[in-house]
């Protein structure tokens, strides 16, 4: 799976959680929580959706690696390589 495809997956999940989220203006290097006003439950919903759709186990200690769109792609790329 390409980096662009992973980025689109994350954006799609965000849109599913918050239909009004302005994902077109996302800066890849800024915290998602700040840009989208995500609370901790929204963030957990993203993690749970990744688990459900792609059978990924993301340990809680890895959550900081999902801080920005870029860091999400960096973290998910090796885990989704086989898809």
Protein backbone atom coordinates (compact mmCIF):
# COMPACT_ATOMS: atom_id res chain seq x y z
CA UNK A 1 0.00 0.00 0.00
CA UNK A 2 1.35 3.42 -0.95
CA UNK A 3 1.86 6.31 1.43
CA UNK A 4 -0.84 8.27 -0.41
CA UNK A 5 -3.28 5.38 0.00
CA UNK A 6 -2.56 5.23 3.74
CA UNK A 7 -3.08 8.98 4.00
CA UNK A 8 -6.45 8.60 2.27
CA UNK A 9 -7.41 5.79 4.66
CA UNK A 10 -6.73 8.00 7.68
CA UNK A 11 -8.66 10.90 6.11
CA UNK A 12 -11.57 8.61 5.25
CA UNK A 13 -11.74 7.34 8.84
CA UNK A 14 -11.67 10.91 10.15
CA UNK A 15 -14.54 11.84 7.81
CA UNK A 16 -16.52 8.79 8.98
CA UNK A 17 -16.09 9.91 12.59
CA UNK A 18 -16.72 13.61 11.95
CA UNK A 19 -18.56 14.36 8.73
CA UNK A 20 -17.98 18.09 9.16
CA UNK A 21 -14.19 17.80 9.51
CA UNK A 22 -12.30 19.99 7.06
CA UNK A 23 -9.80 17.38 5.93
CA UNK A 24 -8.89 19.29 2.76
CA UNK A 25 -6.96 21.83 4.82
CA UNK A 26 -5.02 19.34 6.95
CA UNK A 27 -1.35 20.11 7.40
CA UNK A 28 0.59 16.85 7.43
CA UNK A 29 2.97 17.97 10.16
CA UNK A 30 0.55 19.53 12.66
CA UNK A 31 -1.28 17.57 15.38
CA UNK A 32 -4.59 16.17 14.15
CA UNK A 33 -6.24 16.87 17.49
CA UNK A 34 -5.45 20.59 17.19
CA UNK A 35 -6.50 20.89 13.56
CA UNK A 36 -9.74 18.95 13.86
CA UNK A 37 -10.63 19.63 17.47
CA UNK A 38 -10.63 15.89 18.21
CA UNK A 39 -11.22 14.77 21.74
CA UNK A 40 -9.80 11.59 23.23
CA UNK A 41 -12.89 9.58 22.29
CA UNK A 42 -12.61 10.69 18.66
CA UNK A 43 -8.98 9.65 18.67
CA UNK A 44 -9.87 6.25 20.12
CA UNK A 45 -12.54 5.88 17.45
CA UNK A 46 -9.83 6.32 14.80
CA UNK A 47 -7.67 3.67 16.45
CA UNK A 48 -10.63 1.28 16.79
CA UNK A 49 -11.60 1.79 13.16
CA UNK A 50 -8.05 0.96 12.04
CA UNK A 51 -8.26 -2.17 14.15
CA UNK A 52 -11.64 -3.14 12.72
CA UNK A 53 -10.89 -2.46 9.05
CA UNK A 54 -7.30 -3.65 8.87
CA UNK A 55 -6.95 -6.00 11.86
CA UNK A 56 -4.25 -3.78 13.33
CA UNK A 57 -3.25 -3.96 16.95
CA UNK A 58 -2.08 -0.53 18.03
CA UNK A 59 -0.80 -0.57 21.61
CA UNK A 60 -1.62 2.42 23.76
CA UNK A 61 2.06 3.30 24.11
CA UNK A 62 2.14 3.82 20.31
CA UNK A 63 -0.70 6.37 20.29
CA UNK A 64 1.72 9.34 20.28
CA UNK A 65 3.01 8.07 16.93
CA UNK A 66 -0.44 8.85 15.49
CA UNK A 67 -0.24 12.53 16.39
CA UNK A 68 -0.01 14.04 12.90
CA UNK A 69 -1.13 12.86 9.49
CA UNK A 70 2.51 12.34 8.50
CA UNK A 71 3.32 10.38 11.65
CA UNK A 72 0.22 8.22 11.07
CA UNK A 73 1.47 7.35 7.60
CA UNK A 74 4.97 6.64 8.94
CA UNK A 75 3.58 4.38 11.66
CA UNK A 76 1.03 2.57 9.50
CA UNK A 77 3.15 2.07 6.38
CA UNK A 78 5.07 -1.02 7.59
CA UNK A 79 1.90 -2.46 9.15
CA UNK A 80 -0.11 -2.10 5.94
CA UNK A 81 2.67 -3.03 3.54
CA UNK A 82 1.09 -6.41 2.81
CA UNK A 83 -2.21 -4.90 1.60
